Amino acid sequence: MIRLALADDQPLFRRGMAMLLRDMPDVQVLFECNNGEELLTGLKGNAIDIVLLDLEMPVMDGMETMRRVRQDHPEVRVIVLSMHHEEKFIVHLMELGANGYVVKTAEPDEIENAVRSVATSGYHFSEMVSRVMLQRLVKKEKLKPTFHDVEPLTERELEVLRLICQELTTTEIAGKLFLSPRTVEGHRNNILLKIGARNTAGIVVYAMSKGLYTP
């Protein structure tokens, strides 16, 4: 069962989203809230797997809420909900640790796909988001994400990186490379440390920025 929390200050949108999510047989919406402060309070008393987070909220907006969730609840995965299509929002939020980015005009199927993808593989990028990220990363005049390359990735780590980018789960990667899931997780953690990324979404942004993966 995927345990969710939903933070959005628009009651009509939030209730509609909650109804959609509750129709998914493997999803449980544990609580809804209006702003970031309420979300952080709710996270203290509930075991949550994924938060669907609006960017523009009163009291504490989505950006600050994202920072606090990453700091206080690093195990919680975050899908950002927004009306913005701008590159700066998408890439910046990936750097902050978002596991997915979905525009509010998306079809219900994409919301469901995002939730399941983030639950299983750790991230979700729609075709639109992938295109926007690529457009930003390939333009030399644009500011690129701030990763570091203190130590080069090994051939095995590069194999794992590319399979992560293809949305394979740890178990699937293990089967494909004839490794144990624990070994795959070890490679994933090494990749995160070497490139300075926060999560799987950061790995994908890094791979795209370095030309190691193209959606």
Protein backbone atom coordinates (compact mmCIF):
# COMPACT_ATOMS: atom_id res chain seq x y z
CA MET A 1 0.00 0.00 0.00
CA ILE A 2 1.31 3.44 -1.00
CA ARG A 3 0.65 5.96 1.78
CA LEU A 4 0.12 9.54 0.55
CA ALA A 5 -0.28 13.06 1.88
CA LEU A 6 -1.63 15.92 -0.21
CA ALA A 7 -0.75 19.60 0.35
CA ASP A 8 -2.62 22.20 -1.72
CA ASP A 9 -4.44 25.38 -0.68
CA GLN A 10 -7.13 25.12 -3.38
CA PRO A 11 -9.94 23.06 -1.79
CA LEU A 12 -11.65 22.12 -5.04
CA PHE A 13 -8.45 20.89 -6.70
CA ARG A 14 -7.27 19.14 -3.52
CA ARG A 15 -10.55 17.27 -3.02
CA GLY A 16 -10.68 16.25 -6.66
CA MET A 17 -7.09 15.00 -6.49
CA ALA A 18 -7.82 13.11 -3.27
CA MET A 19 -10.83 11.41 -4.88
CA LEU A 20 -8.72 10.38 -7.87
CA LEU A 21 -6.01 8.96 -5.64
CA ARG A 22 -8.45 7.11 -3.40
CA ASP A 23 -9.82 5.33 -6.46
CA MET A 24 -6.42 3.66 -6.88
CA PRO A 25 -6.62 0.27 -5.12
CA ASP A 26 -3.02 0.33 -3.89
CA VAL A 27 -3.11 3.90 -2.54
CA GLN A 28 -4.16 5.31 0.82
CA VAL A 29 -4.48 9.08 1.32
CA LEU A 30 -3.70 9.51 5.02
CA PHE A 31 -4.25 13.25 5.22
CA GLU A 32 -4.79 16.48 3.27
CA CYS A 33 -3.64 19.97 4.25
CA ASN A 34 -3.63 23.61 3.11
CA ASN A 35 0.03 24.62 3.50
CA GLY A 36 3.55 23.53 4.28
CA GLU A 37 3.33 23.99 8.04
CA GLU A 38 0.30 21.71 8.23
CA LEU A 39 2.11 19.16 6.09
CA LEU A 40 5.18 19.11 8.35
CA THR A 41 2.94 18.68 11.38
CA GLY A 42 1.10 15.81 9.70
CA LEU A 43 4.34 14.08 8.74
CA LYS A 44 5.32 13.87 12.41
CA GLY A 45 2.34 11.67 13.22
CA ASN A 46 1.94 9.63 10.02
CA ALA A 47 4.14 7.19 8.13
CA ILE A 48 4.02 8.66 4.62
CA ASP A 49 5.65 7.29 1.46
CA ILE A 50 4.84 10.11 -0.97
CA VAL A 51 3.78 13.73 -0.64
CA LEU A 52 1.99 15.54 -3.47
CA LEU A 53 3.05 19.13 -2.94
CA ASP A 54 1.69 22.34 -4.44
CA LEU A 55 4.25 25.08 -5.05
CA GLU A 56 2.12 28.14 -4.30
CA MET A 57 0.62 27.98 -0.81
CA PRO A 58 0.17 30.49 2.02
CA VAL A 59 2.06 30.36 5.35
CA MET A 60 4.83 28.14 3.93
CA ASP A 61 5.20 27.74 0.18
CA GLY A 62 6.26 24.66 -1.72
CA MET A 63 9.93 25.61 -2.09
CA GLU A 64 10.49 26.06 1.64
CA THR A 65 8.34 23.03 2.41
CA MET A 66 10.48 20.96 0.04
CA ARG A 67 13.65 22.00 1.88
CA ARG A 68 12.12 21.11 5.25
CA VAL A 69 10.81 17.74 4.08
CA ARG A 70 14.22 16.83 2.65
CA GLN A 71 15.88 17.90 5.89
CA ASP A 72 13.48 16.37 8.42
CA HIS A 73 11.99 13.45 6.47
CA PRO A 74 14.53 12.30 3.86
CA GLU A 75 12.72 8.99 3.41
CA VAL A 76 9.59 10.74 2.09
CA ARG A 77 9.36 11.11 -1.69
CA VAL A 78 7.88 14.31 -3.13
CA ILE A 79 5.88 14.89 -6.29
CA VAL A 80 5.50 18.59 -7.05
CA LEU A 81 2.17 19.84 -8.41
CA SER A 82 2.31 23.13 -10.28
CA MET A 83 0.83 25.26 -13.03
CA HIS A 84 4.33 26.32 -14.08
CA HIS A 85 6.06 24.91 -17.15
CA GLU A 86 9.15 27.10 -16.79
CA GLU A 87 12.58 25.49 -16.91
CA LYS A 88 13.83 27.28 -13.80
CA PHE A 89 11.14 25.74 -11.60
CA ILE A 90 11.58 22.22 -12.91
CA VAL A 91 15.38 21.98 -12.78
CA HIS A 92 15.64 23.85 -9.48
CA LEU A 93 13.11 21.57 -7.82
CA MET A 94 14.93 18.49 -9.07
CA GLU A 95 18.09 19.85 -7.48
CA LEU A 96 16.23 20.45 -4.22
CA GLY A 97 15.25 16.79 -4.18
CA ALA A 98 11.86 16.48 -5.87
CA ASN A 99 11.13 12.98 -7.10
CA GLY A 100 8.66 14.10 -9.71
CA TYR A 101 7.05 17.14 -11.28
CA VAL A 102 3.48 17.10 -12.62
CA VAL A 103 1.59 20.05 -14.04
CA LYS A 104 -1.92 20.51 -12.70
CA THR A 105 -3.39 20.30 -16.18
CA ALA A 106 -2.11 16.72 -16.58
CA GLU A 107 -4.50 13.89 -17.36
CA PRO A 108 -5.55 11.59 -14.48
CA ASP A 109 -3.54 8.73 -15.99
CA GLU A 110 -0.34 10.74 -15.63
CA ILE A 111 -1.04 11.42 -11.95
CA GLU A 112 -1.51 7.70 -11.37
CA ASN A 113 1.62 6.87 -13.37
CA ALA A 114 3.62 9.45 -11.41
CA VAL A 115 2.56 8.01 -8.05
CA ARG A 116 3.34 4.43 -9.02
CA SER A 117 6.61 5.33 -10.74
CA VAL A 118 7.86 7.33 -7.74
CA ALA A 119 6.81 4.50 -5.40
CA THR A 120 8.69 1.83 -7.38
CA SER A 121 11.63 3.54 -9.07
CA GLY A 122 12.03 6.73 -7.01
CA TYR A 123 11.18 9.31 -9.65
CA HIS A 124 8.83 10.30 -12.47
CA PHE A 125 9.41 12.62 -15.40
CA SER A 126 6.64 13.23 -17.91
CA GLU A 127 7.55 13.66 -21.57
CA MET A 128 7.00 17.42 -21.21
CA VAL A 129 9.24 17.69 -18.15
CA SER A 130 11.99 15.62 -19.78
CA ARG A 131 11.88 17.85 -22.85
CA VAL A 132 12.08 21.04 -20.78
CA MET A 133 14.99 19.71 -18.76
CA LEU A 134 16.88 18.67 -21.87
CA GLN A 135 16.30 22.03 -23.50
CA ARG A 136 17.75 23.80 -20.49
CA LEU A 137 20.69 21.50 -20.02
CA VAL A 138 21.90 21.60 -23.62
CA LYS A 139 21.86 25.40 -23.89
CA LYS A 140 25.28 26.73 -22.94
CA GLU A 141 23.87 30.09 -21.96
CA LYS A 142 21.66 28.51 -19.33
CA LEU A 143 22.76 27.81 -15.79
CA LYS A 144 23.38 24.08 -15.34
CA PRO A 145 22.62 22.06 -12.22
CA THR A 146 25.41 22.17 -9.64
CA PHE A 147 26.82 18.65 -9.50
CA HIS A 148 30.40 17.72 -8.81
CA ASP A 149 32.72 15.12 -10.31
CA VAL A 150 35.26 14.52 -7.56
CA GLU A 151 35.67 10.88 -8.55
CA PRO A 152 34.74 9.29 -11.90
CA LEU A 153 32.01 6.66 -12.07
CA THR A 154 33.08 3.08 -12.69
CA GLU A 155 31.81 1.13 -15.68
CA ARG A 156 29.44 -0.80 -13.43
CA GLU A 157 28.15 2.42 -11.86
CA LEU A 158 27.52 3.81 -15.35
CA GLU A 159 25.54 0.67 -16.21
CA VAL A 160 23.44 1.08 -13.07
CA LEU A 161 22.99 4.80 -13.76
CA ARG A 162 21.63 4.18 -17.27
CA LEU A 163 19.22 1.51 -16.04
CA ILE A 164 17.99 3.82 -13.27
CA CYS A 165 17.28 6.40 -15.97
CA GLN A 166 15.16 3.80 -17.78
CA GLU A 167 12.96 3.58 -14.65
CA LEU A 168 13.99 0.05 -13.74
CA THR A 169 13.54 -0.90 -10.10
CA THR A 170 16.39 -2.15 -7.94
CA THR A 171 15.16 -5.72 -8.37
CA GLU A 172 14.93 -5.35 -12.14
CA ILE A 173 18.42 -3.86 -12.36
CA ALA A 174 19.76 -6.68 -10.20
CA GLY A 175 18.23 -9.28 -12.51
CA LYS A 176 19.52 -7.58 -15.65
CA LEU A 177 23.09 -7.24 -14.35
CA PHE A 178 23.15 -10.55 -12.41
CA LEU A 179 23.73 -8.75 -9.13
CA SER A 180 22.03 -8.81 -5.76
CA PRO A 181 19.57 -5.97 -4.95
CA ARG A 182 21.85 -5.01 -2.07
CA THR A 183 24.80 -4.62 -4.46
CA VAL A 184 22.69 -2.48 -6.80
CA GLU A 185 21.71 -0.23 -3.89
CA GLY A 186 25.39 0.04 -3.00
CA HIS A 187 26.22 1.21 -6.52
CA ARG A 188 23.31 3.67 -6.42
CA ASN A 189 24.54 5.15 -3.12
CA ASN A 190 28.07 5.44 -4.53
CA ILE A 191 26.71 7.32 -7.55
CA LEU A 192 24.82 9.74 -5.29
CA LEU A 193 27.93 10.42 -3.22
CA LYS A 194 30.22 10.87 -6.22
CA ILE A 195 28.01 13.28 -8.15
CA GLY A 196 26.56 15.12 -5.15
CA ALA A 197 22.92 14.32 -5.95
CA ARG A 198 20.20 14.01 -3.32
CA ASN A 199 18.09 11.26 -4.84
CA THR A 200 17.27 9.23 -7.94
CA ALA A 201 15.80 12.25 -9.69
CA GLY A 202 19.14 14.00 -9.24
CA ILE A 203 20.89 11.03 -10.85
CA VAL A 204 18.68 11.42 -13.92
CA VAL A 205 19.31 15.16 -14.15
CA TYR A 206 23.06 14.49 -13.87
CA ALA A 207 22.94 11.80 -16.57
CA MET A 208 21.04 14.10 -18.91
CA SER A 209 23.36 17.04 -18.26
CA LYS A 210 26.42 14.90 -19.02
CA GLY A 211 24.96 13.31 -22.14
CA LEU A 212 24.84 9.89 -20.49
CA TYR A 213 21.12 9.46 -21.06
CA THR A 214 18.55 10.85 -23.48
CA PRO A 215 14.83 10.13 -22.89
